N, C-alpha and C. Protein backbone atom coordinates (compact mmCIF):
# COMPACT_ATOMS: atom_id res chain seq x y z
N MET A 1 194.97 -18.84 -75.31
CA MET A 1 194.23 -19.71 -76.41
C MET A 1 194.97 -19.88 -76.95
N LEU A 2 195.29 -20.77 -77.91
CA LEU A 2 195.88 -21.39 -78.74
C LEU A 2 195.61 -21.29 -80.53
N THR A 3 196.33 -20.92 -81.11
CA THR A 3 195.53 -20.24 -82.79
C THR A 3 195.96 -21.54 -83.99
N SER A 4 195.49 -21.94 -84.60
CA SER A 4 195.50 -22.84 -84.87
C SER A 4 196.40 -22.77 -86.46
N PRO A 5 197.19 -24.09 -86.97
CA PRO A 5 198.25 -23.63 -87.60
C PRO A 5 197.79 -23.06 -89.01
N LYS A 6 196.23 -22.78 -89.48
CA LYS A 6 195.67 -22.24 -90.49
C LYS A 6 195.74 -20.98 -90.25
N GLY A 7 195.51 -20.12 -88.76
CA GLY A 7 195.37 -18.96 -88.59
C GLY A 7 196.92 -18.27 -88.30
N VAL A 8 197.96 -19.20 -88.52
CA VAL A 8 199.16 -18.89 -88.02
C VAL A 8 199.83 -18.56 -89.55
N ASN A 9 199.51 -19.90 -90.41
CA ASN A 9 199.45 -19.46 -91.79
C ASN A 9 199.20 -18.37 -92.56
N ARG A 10 197.76 -17.78 -92.06
CA ARG A 10 197.62 -16.45 -92.77
C ARG A 10 197.85 -15.30 -91.96
N ILE A 11 198.28 -15.57 -90.67
CA ILE A 11 199.04 -14.06 -90.16
C ILE A 11 200.47 -14.19 -90.78
N TYR A 12 201.27 -15.20 -91.15
CA TYR A 12 202.39 -15.07 -91.58
C TYR A 12 202.46 -14.33 -93.27
N GLN A 13 201.26 -14.94 -93.91
CA GLN A 13 200.55 -14.26 -95.27
C GLN A 13 200.65 -12.92 -95.07
N LEU A 14 199.67 -12.34 -94.20
CA LEU A 14 199.74 -11.07 -93.92
C LEU A 14 200.73 -9.91 -93.71
N SER A 15 201.55 -10.55 -92.82
CA SER A 15 202.65 -9.84 -92.47
C SER A 15 203.65 -9.70 -93.83
N LYS A 16 203.79 -10.72 -94.35
CA LYS A 16 204.96 -10.67 -95.81
C LYS A 16 204.02 -9.97 -96.89
N THR A 17 202.76 -9.85 -96.73
CA THR A 17 202.10 -9.17 -97.79
C THR A 17 202.36 -7.51 -97.37
N MET A 18 202.67 -7.22 -96.15
CA MET A 18 203.18 -5.84 -95.43
C MET A 18 203.94 -5.31 -95.66
N VAL A 19 205.25 -6.36 -95.69
CA VAL A 19 206.44 -6.28 -95.85
C VAL A 19 206.67 -5.88 -97.13
N ASN A 20 205.95 -6.26 -98.08
CA ASN A 20 206.67 -6.32 -99.71
C ASN A 20 205.53 -4.57 -100.04
N GLN A 21 204.74 -4.35 -99.57
CA GLN A 21 204.01 -3.11 -99.66
C GLN A 21 205.08 -2.10 -98.98
N GLY A 22 205.62 -2.36 -97.91
CA GLY A 22 206.53 -1.38 -97.03
C GLY A 22 207.74 -1.20 -97.90
N ASN A 23 207.88 -2.22 -98.72
CA ASN A 23 209.38 -2.35 -99.65
C ASN A 23 208.96 -1.08 -100.60
N LYS A 24 207.94 -1.33 -101.19
CA LYS A 24 207.31 -0.68 -102.48
C LYS A 24 207.18 0.73 -102.17
N ASN A 25 206.77 0.95 -100.99
CA ASN A 25 206.50 2.47 -100.48
C ASN A 25 207.79 3.18 -100.22
N SER A 26 208.69 2.42 -99.69
CA SER A 26 209.98 2.82 -99.30
C SER A 26 211.05 3.72 -100.54
N GLY A 27 210.71 2.82 -101.75
CA GLY A 27 211.27 3.28 -102.97
C GLY A 27 210.27 4.73 -103.80
N VAL A 28 209.14 4.99 -102.99
CA VAL A 28 208.38 6.00 -103.56
C VAL A 28 209.13 6.82 -102.70
N VAL A 29 209.42 6.89 -101.31
CA VAL A 29 210.00 7.56 -100.36
C VAL A 29 211.06 7.97 -100.73
N LEU A 30 212.05 6.86 -101.05
CA LEU A 30 213.63 7.49 -101.46
C LEU A 30 213.53 8.11 -102.89
N LEU A 31 212.56 8.16 -103.74
CA LEU A 31 212.41 9.00 -104.86
C LEU A 31 212.17 10.30 -104.71
N VAL A 32 210.79 10.48 -103.81
CA VAL A 32 210.41 11.96 -103.26
C VAL A 32 211.61 12.75 -102.31
N THR A 33 212.14 11.95 -101.75
CA THR A 33 213.71 12.39 -101.06
C THR A 33 214.47 12.73 -102.13
N LEU A 34 215.08 12.12 -102.89
CA LEU A 34 215.92 12.74 -103.97
C LEU A 34 215.42 14.13 -104.67
N VAL A 35 214.39 13.69 -105.21
CA VAL A 35 213.85 14.92 -105.80
C VAL A 35 213.99 16.16 -104.85
N LEU A 36 213.65 16.20 -103.99
CA LEU A 36 213.56 17.23 -102.87
C LEU A 36 214.52 17.74 -102.90
N LEU A 37 215.50 16.72 -102.41
CA LEU A 37 217.34 16.99 -102.29
C LEU A 37 217.92 17.84 -103.79
N VAL A 38 217.33 17.25 -104.89
CA VAL A 38 217.52 17.99 -105.96
C VAL A 38 217.13 19.58 -106.10
N VAL A 39 216.27 19.56 -105.80
CA VAL A 39 215.32 20.79 -106.05
C VAL A 39 215.84 22.01 -104.84
N LEU A 40 215.91 21.57 -103.86
CA LEU A 40 216.52 22.34 -102.49
C LEU A 40 218.38 22.65 -102.89
N SER A 41 219.00 22.02 -103.73
CA SER A 41 220.33 21.95 -104.13
C SER A 41 220.61 23.09 -105.41
N THR A 42 219.06 23.04 -105.91
CA THR A 42 219.11 24.05 -106.98
C THR A 42 218.91 25.20 -106.47
N ILE A 43 218.00 25.31 -105.29
CA ILE A 43 217.42 26.47 -104.95
C ILE A 43 218.52 27.01 -104.31
N GLY A 44 219.51 26.23 -103.34
CA GLY A 44 220.58 26.99 -102.60
C GLY A 44 221.80 27.58 -103.85
N TYR A 45 221.67 26.66 -104.72
CA TYR A 45 222.93 27.48 -105.90
C TYR A 45 222.26 28.70 -106.42
N ILE A 46 221.23 28.76 -106.90
CA ILE A 46 220.56 29.99 -107.45
C ILE A 46 220.60 31.11 -106.58
N LEU A 47 220.47 31.30 -105.46
CA LEU A 47 220.48 32.04 -104.32
C LEU A 47 221.81 32.28 -104.10
N ASN A 48 222.61 31.58 -104.17
CA ASN A 48 224.24 31.64 -103.71
C ASN A 48 224.73 32.28 -104.81
N SER A 49 224.54 31.89 -106.10
CA SER A 49 224.96 33.15 -107.30
C SER A 49 224.55 34.12 -107.27
N ARG A 50 223.40 34.28 -107.11
CA ARG A 50 222.69 35.90 -106.89
C ARG A 50 223.14 36.60 -105.62
N VAL A 51 223.43 36.02 -104.38
CA VAL A 51 224.40 36.90 -103.49
C VAL A 51 225.52 37.10 -103.66
N MET A 52 226.61 35.96 -104.41
CA MET A 52 227.82 36.44 -104.95
C MET A 52 227.80 37.61 -106.22
N ALA A 53 226.71 37.72 -107.08
CA ALA A 53 226.88 39.04 -107.97
C ALA A 53 226.70 39.97 -107.31
N TYR A 54 225.65 40.04 -106.20
CA TYR A 54 225.24 41.43 -105.66
C TYR A 54 226.54 41.76 -104.63
N HIS A 55 227.36 40.77 -103.95
CA HIS A 55 228.47 41.45 -103.54
C HIS A 55 229.48 41.97 -104.74
N HIS A 56 229.86 41.33 -105.68
CA HIS A 56 230.74 41.72 -106.43
C HIS A 56 230.35 42.77 -107.12
N ARG A 57 229.11 43.10 -107.38
CA ARG A 57 228.29 44.55 -107.93
C ARG A 57 229.02 45.55 -106.70
N GLN A 58 228.98 45.28 -105.53
CA GLN A 58 228.55 46.31 -104.26
C GLN A 58 230.32 46.67 -104.26
N ARG A 59 231.13 45.45 -104.55
CA ARG A 59 232.50 45.79 -104.21
C ARG A 59 232.99 46.60 -105.51
N TYR A 60 232.60 46.15 -106.78
CA TYR A 60 233.01 47.19 -107.71
C TYR A 60 232.65 48.39 -107.92
N MET A 61 231.25 49.01 -107.24
CA MET A 61 230.95 50.05 -106.97
C MET A 61 232.15 50.78 -106.10
N MET A 62 232.83 50.01 -104.66
CA MET A 62 233.04 50.40 -104.07
C MET A 62 234.69 50.81 -104.37
N ASP A 63 235.05 49.61 -105.23
CA ASP A 63 236.41 49.92 -105.99
C ASP A 63 236.34 51.33 -107.14
N TYR A 64 235.58 51.57 -107.89
CA TYR A 64 235.14 52.54 -108.75
C TYR A 64 234.91 54.04 -108.10
N GLN A 65 234.35 53.98 -106.91
CA GLN A 65 234.66 55.10 -106.16
C GLN A 65 235.64 55.95 -105.81
N ALA A 66 236.65 54.26 -104.96
CA ALA A 66 237.87 54.60 -104.75
C ALA A 66 238.90 55.44 -106.11
N ALA A 67 238.83 54.55 -106.94
CA ALA A 67 239.25 55.37 -107.75
C ALA A 67 238.92 56.75 -108.47
N VAL A 68 238.01 57.10 -108.43
CA VAL A 68 237.30 58.38 -108.81
C VAL A 68 237.87 58.96 -107.95
N TYR A 69 237.84 58.98 -106.68
CA TYR A 69 238.41 59.83 -105.66
C TYR A 69 240.09 59.68 -105.81
N GLY A 70 240.53 58.98 -106.08
CA GLY A 70 242.00 59.11 -106.32
C GLY A 70 242.40 60.07 -107.47
N ARG A 71 241.58 59.65 -108.37
CA ARG A 71 241.50 60.34 -109.88
C ARG A 71 241.29 62.15 -109.60
N ASP A 72 240.65 62.43 -108.85
CA ASP A 72 240.10 63.51 -108.71
C ASP A 72 241.20 63.75 -107.68
N SER A 73 241.68 63.35 -106.78
CA SER A 73 242.48 64.42 -105.74
C SER A 73 243.90 64.37 -106.40
N GLY A 74 244.34 63.30 -107.39
CA GLY A 74 245.53 63.56 -108.17
C GLY A 74 245.50 64.54 -108.88
N LEU A 75 244.24 65.23 -109.90
CA LEU A 75 244.36 66.45 -110.62
C LEU A 75 244.19 67.42 -109.73
N LYS A 76 243.23 67.27 -108.55
CA LYS A 76 243.42 68.48 -107.64
C LYS A 76 245.06 68.99 -107.17
N TYR A 77 245.60 67.91 -106.78
CA TYR A 77 246.96 68.29 -106.40
C TYR A 77 247.76 68.53 -108.08
N ALA A 78 248.07 67.88 -108.79
CA ALA A 78 248.47 68.27 -110.08
C ALA A 78 248.23 69.80 -110.50
N LEU A 79 246.98 70.47 -110.40
CA LEU A 79 246.85 71.47 -110.82
C LEU A 79 247.01 72.19 -109.86
N ALA A 80 247.03 71.96 -108.15
CA ALA A 80 247.78 73.18 -107.34
C ALA A 80 249.04 73.43 -107.45
N THR A 81 249.81 72.38 -107.98
CA THR A 81 251.17 72.54 -108.04
C THR A 81 251.94 73.33 -109.52
N LEU A 82 251.11 73.36 -110.26
CA LEU A 82 251.10 74.29 -111.54
C LEU A 82 251.41 75.81 -110.98
């Protein structure tokens, strides 16, 4: 079955309209994707900074405990040798 030139022209116009609408939708999809990436990177940065702060506090506590132990041992030795 052959379609008339009028039908072919109508199909061409419909496909052209669909392509134009697809381009508009792809801009929205791109914008949503960029916003999502910014939100995820912000969450990642916040989590990373909190984890690093926690590790820094833990390392400080271990260093402090080692320094206190060294101080106490030094005083104990100094008093024992007197």
